[in-house]
Amino acid sequence: MNNDYKQKISNWLDLKWSKDKRNCEICNTNKWSISDDIVAPIIIENNGLNLGGKTYPQVMLICSNCGNTKYFNVALMNLLKAEK
C-alpha cells in the first residue's frame, strides 16, 4: 500500500475517531501504525468456508507497543469500490 493510500486512511480516521479516545485499551499508549496490506476475513456460510465468495476488505491498525490490532472496513471508508 502506498503512502497516498495510507494518508487517505489517516484522514478518514481523523474524521471518525476522536483523538482523545485513541489510546490502546490494552497498554494505554497511542502508538498506532497502519498496516501495509489490506486483509479480508474468511467467510463461513452454511457450516463451511466460502473461499472465493463475498469478502469484507479491511485495513489493520496495529498498536506499535503491544500489537493490539483493530480492523476498519475499507469499503466503508470509500477507499475501494464496494460491490453489491
N, C-alpha and C. Protein backbone atom coordinates (compact mmCIF):
# COMPACT_ATOMS: atom_id res chain seq x y z
N MET A 1 0.85 -1.16 0.00
CA MET A 1 0.00 0.00 0.00
C MET A 1 0.91 1.24 0.00
N ASN A 2 0.62 2.18 -0.89
CA ASN A 2 1.49 3.36 -0.98
C ASN A 2 1.13 4.41 0.07
N ASN A 3 2.01 5.41 0.20
CA ASN A 3 1.83 6.43 1.23
C ASN A 3 0.59 7.29 1.00
N ASP A 4 0.20 7.52 -0.25
CA ASP A 4 -1.01 8.29 -0.54
C ASP A 4 -2.24 7.58 0.03
N TYR A 5 -2.29 6.28 -0.15
CA TYR A 5 -3.40 5.48 0.35
C TYR A 5 -3.44 5.52 1.88
N LYS A 6 -2.26 5.39 2.50
CA LYS A 6 -2.19 5.46 3.95
C LYS A 6 -2.62 6.83 4.46
N GLN A 7 -2.30 7.87 3.71
CA GLN A 7 -2.72 9.22 4.12
C GLN A 7 -4.24 9.36 4.06
N LYS A 8 -4.86 8.75 3.05
CA LYS A 8 -6.33 8.77 2.97
C LYS A 8 -6.95 8.04 4.16
N ILE A 9 -6.35 6.94 4.55
CA ILE A 9 -6.83 6.20 5.72
C ILE A 9 -6.67 7.06 6.97
N SER A 10 -5.53 7.68 7.12
CA SER A 10 -5.27 8.55 8.27
C SER A 10 -6.27 9.71 8.31
N ASN A 11 -6.56 10.30 7.16
CA ASN A 11 -7.54 11.39 7.10
C ASN A 11 -8.92 10.91 7.52
N TRP A 12 -9.32 9.71 7.06
CA TRP A 12 -10.62 9.16 7.43
C TRP A 12 -10.69 8.92 8.94
N LEU A 13 -9.61 8.36 9.50
CA LEU A 13 -9.57 8.11 10.94
C LEU A 13 -9.67 9.42 11.72
N ASP A 14 -9.03 10.48 11.22
CA ASP A 14 -9.12 11.78 11.89
C ASP A 14 -10.56 12.29 11.93
N LEU A 15 -11.33 11.98 10.90
CA LEU A 15 -12.74 12.41 10.87
C LEU A 15 -13.62 11.57 11.78
N LYS A 16 -13.32 10.30 11.91
CA LYS A 16 -14.21 9.35 12.59
C LYS A 16 -13.81 8.97 14.01
N TRP A 17 -12.53 9.04 14.32
CA TRP A 17 -12.03 8.53 15.59
C TRP A 17 -11.49 9.68 16.41
N SER A 18 -12.18 10.02 17.49
CA SER A 18 -11.80 11.14 18.34
C SER A 18 -10.38 10.95 18.86
N LYS A 19 -9.55 11.98 18.70
CA LYS A 19 -8.14 11.87 19.09
C LYS A 19 -7.96 11.62 20.58
N ASP A 20 -8.92 12.06 21.40
CA ASP A 20 -8.80 11.85 22.84
C ASP A 20 -9.23 10.45 23.27
N LYS A 21 -9.65 9.62 22.31
CA LYS A 21 -10.07 8.24 22.62
C LYS A 21 -9.25 7.21 21.85
N ARG A 22 -8.07 7.57 21.44
CA ARG A 22 -7.26 6.68 20.62
C ARG A 22 -6.27 5.82 21.39
N ASN A 23 -6.21 5.95 22.69
CA ASN A 23 -5.27 5.12 23.43
C ASN A 23 -5.68 3.66 23.32
N CYS A 24 -4.69 2.82 23.21
CA CYS A 24 -4.91 1.37 23.13
C CYS A 24 -5.54 0.89 24.43
N GLU A 25 -6.59 0.08 24.31
CA GLU A 25 -7.26 -0.42 25.51
C GLU A 25 -6.45 -1.50 26.23
N ILE A 26 -5.39 -1.98 25.62
CA ILE A 26 -4.55 -3.00 26.25
C ILE A 26 -3.39 -2.35 27.03
N CYS A 27 -2.62 -1.48 26.37
CA CYS A 27 -1.41 -0.93 27.00
C CYS A 27 -1.49 0.57 27.29
N ASN A 28 -2.58 1.21 26.87
CA ASN A 28 -2.86 2.63 27.13
C ASN A 28 -1.90 3.59 26.43
N THR A 29 -1.18 3.12 25.40
CA THR A 29 -0.36 4.05 24.61
C THR A 29 -1.16 4.52 23.40
N ASN A 30 -0.64 5.49 22.71
CA ASN A 30 -1.26 5.99 21.49
C ASN A 30 -0.23 5.92 20.36
N LYS A 31 0.18 4.70 20.04
CA LYS A 31 1.22 4.47 19.04
C LYS A 31 0.70 3.49 17.99
N TRP A 32 -0.19 3.96 17.12
CA TRP A 32 -0.80 3.10 16.11
C TRP A 32 -0.07 3.23 14.78
N SER A 33 0.03 2.13 14.07
CA SER A 33 0.56 2.16 12.70
C SER A 33 -0.45 1.49 11.77
N ILE A 34 -0.50 1.99 10.55
CA ILE A 34 -1.39 1.44 9.53
C ILE A 34 -0.63 0.32 8.81
N SER A 35 -1.25 -0.84 8.71
CA SER A 35 -0.59 -1.98 8.07
C SER A 35 -0.32 -1.68 6.59
N ASP A 36 0.60 -2.43 6.03
CA ASP A 36 0.94 -2.27 4.62
C ASP A 36 -0.01 -3.02 3.70
N ASP A 37 -0.88 -3.84 4.27
CA ASP A 37 -1.74 -4.70 3.46
C ASP A 37 -3.22 -4.49 3.79
N ILE A 38 -4.05 -4.76 2.80
CA ILE A 38 -5.48 -4.87 3.01
C ILE A 38 -5.75 -6.36 3.21
N VAL A 39 -6.54 -6.69 4.23
CA VAL A 39 -6.83 -8.08 4.56
C VAL A 39 -8.34 -8.31 4.47
N ALA A 40 -8.72 -9.58 4.47
CA ALA A 40 -10.14 -9.93 4.46
C ALA A 40 -10.33 -11.20 5.26
N PRO A 41 -11.29 -11.20 6.19
CA PRO A 41 -11.53 -12.41 6.97
C PRO A 41 -12.16 -13.49 6.09
N ILE A 42 -11.97 -14.73 6.49
CA ILE A 42 -12.59 -15.84 5.80
C ILE A 42 -14.06 -15.88 6.20
N ILE A 43 -14.94 -16.06 5.24
CA ILE A 43 -16.37 -16.11 5.48
C ILE A 43 -16.80 -17.58 5.66
N ILE A 44 -17.57 -17.83 6.70
CA ILE A 44 -18.12 -19.17 6.93
C ILE A 44 -19.63 -19.09 6.72
N GLU A 45 -20.12 -19.87 5.77
CA GLU A 45 -21.55 -19.91 5.46
C GLU A 45 -22.00 -21.37 5.41
N ASN A 46 -23.17 -21.62 5.92
CA ASN A 46 -23.73 -22.98 5.89
C ASN A 46 -22.76 -24.01 6.42
N ASN A 47 -22.11 -23.67 7.54
CA ASN A 47 -21.16 -24.55 8.22
C ASN A 47 -19.94 -24.92 7.38
N GLY A 48 -19.61 -24.09 6.41
CA GLY A 48 -18.41 -24.34 5.62
C GLY A 48 -17.75 -23.04 5.20
N LEU A 49 -16.50 -23.13 4.80
CA LEU A 49 -15.78 -21.95 4.33
C LEU A 49 -16.28 -21.53 2.97
N ASN A 50 -16.35 -20.23 2.76
CA ASN A 50 -16.79 -19.69 1.47
C ASN A 50 -15.59 -19.02 0.81
N LEU A 51 -14.69 -19.82 0.27
CA LEU A 51 -13.50 -19.28 -0.39
C LEU A 51 -13.87 -18.78 -1.78
N GLY A 52 -13.42 -17.59 -2.09
CA GLY A 52 -13.70 -17.02 -3.41
C GLY A 52 -15.05 -16.33 -3.48
N GLY A 53 -15.76 -16.25 -2.39
CA GLY A 53 -17.07 -15.60 -2.36
C GLY A 53 -16.95 -14.15 -1.90
N LYS A 54 -18.02 -13.65 -1.30
CA LYS A 54 -18.01 -12.27 -0.84
C LYS A 54 -16.93 -12.07 0.22
N THR A 55 -16.52 -10.83 0.37
CA THR A 55 -15.48 -10.52 1.34
C THR A 55 -15.68 -9.12 1.89
N TYR A 56 -15.02 -8.83 2.97
CA TYR A 56 -15.07 -7.52 3.61
C TYR A 56 -13.64 -7.02 3.76
N PRO A 57 -13.11 -6.30 2.77
CA PRO A 57 -11.73 -5.83 2.83
C PRO A 57 -11.53 -4.87 3.99
N GLN A 58 -10.43 -5.07 4.70
CA GLN A 58 -10.16 -4.27 5.88
C GLN A 58 -8.71 -3.84 5.93
N VAL A 59 -8.51 -2.70 6.58
CA VAL A 59 -7.16 -2.25 6.87
C VAL A 59 -6.94 -2.45 8.37
N MET A 60 -5.73 -2.84 8.72
CA MET A 60 -5.42 -3.08 10.13
C MET A 60 -4.68 -1.88 10.71
N LEU A 61 -5.09 -1.49 11.90
CA LEU A 61 -4.36 -0.53 12.70
C LEU A 61 -3.73 -1.32 13.83
N ILE A 62 -2.42 -1.24 13.96
CA ILE A 62 -1.69 -2.08 14.90
C ILE A 62 -1.00 -1.21 15.94
N CYS A 63 -1.21 -1.53 17.21
CA CYS A 63 -0.51 -0.81 18.28
C CYS A 63 0.97 -1.19 18.20
N SER A 64 1.81 -0.18 18.03
CA SER A 64 3.25 -0.42 17.90
C SER A 64 3.89 -0.87 19.21
N ASN A 65 3.18 -0.71 20.31
CA ASN A 65 3.72 -1.10 21.61
C ASN A 65 3.39 -2.55 21.96
N CYS A 66 2.09 -2.93 21.85
CA CYS A 66 1.70 -4.27 22.32
C CYS A 66 1.17 -5.19 21.22
N GLY A 67 0.90 -4.66 20.03
CA GLY A 67 0.43 -5.49 18.93
C GLY A 67 -1.08 -5.62 18.83
N ASN A 68 -1.82 -5.00 19.75
CA ASN A 68 -3.27 -5.00 19.64
C ASN A 68 -3.65 -4.51 18.25
N THR A 69 -4.64 -5.15 17.63
CA THR A 69 -4.98 -4.84 16.25
C THR A 69 -6.46 -4.50 16.12
N LYS A 70 -6.73 -3.42 15.40
CA LYS A 70 -8.10 -3.00 15.09
C LYS A 70 -8.28 -3.12 13.58
N TYR A 71 -9.48 -3.47 13.16
CA TYR A 71 -9.79 -3.63 11.75
C TYR A 71 -10.84 -2.60 11.35
N PHE A 72 -10.62 -1.95 10.20
CA PHE A 72 -11.56 -0.98 9.67
C PHE A 72 -11.93 -1.38 8.25
N ASN A 73 -13.22 -1.35 7.97
CA ASN A 73 -13.74 -1.75 6.66
C ASN A 73 -13.36 -0.72 5.60
N VAL A 74 -12.57 -1.12 4.64
CA VAL A 74 -12.05 -0.21 3.62
C VAL A 74 -13.16 0.28 2.69
N ALA A 75 -14.14 -0.56 2.42
CA ALA A 75 -15.24 -0.14 1.54
C ALA A 75 -16.04 0.98 2.20
N LEU A 76 -16.27 0.89 3.51
CA LEU A 76 -17.00 1.94 4.21
C LEU A 76 -16.21 3.24 4.29
N MET A 77 -14.89 3.13 4.14
CA MET A 77 -14.05 4.32 4.10
C MET A 77 -14.11 4.99 2.72
N ASN A 78 -14.80 4.33 1.79
CA ASN A 78 -14.86 4.79 0.40
C ASN A 78 -13.48 4.80 -0.26
N LEU A 79 -12.65 3.86 0.14
CA LEU A 79 -11.32 3.74 -0.46
C LEU A 79 -11.26 2.64 -1.48
N LEU A 80 -12.26 1.78 -1.50
CA LEU A 80 -12.42 0.76 -2.52
C LEU A 80 -13.85 0.81 -2.98
N LYS A 81 -14.09 0.44 -4.20
CA LYS A 81 -15.46 0.37 -4.68
C LYS A 81 -16.11 -0.89 -4.14
N ALA A 82 -17.20 -0.72 -3.42
CA ALA A 82 -17.92 -1.87 -2.88
C ALA A 82 -18.82 -2.46 -3.95
N GLU A 83 -18.80 -3.77 -4.06
CA GLU A 83 -19.67 -4.47 -5.00
C GLU A 83 -20.90 -4.94 -4.25
N LYS A 84 -22.07 -4.81 -4.86
CA LYS A 84 -23.29 -5.27 -4.21
C LYS A 84 -23.60 -6.69 -4.60
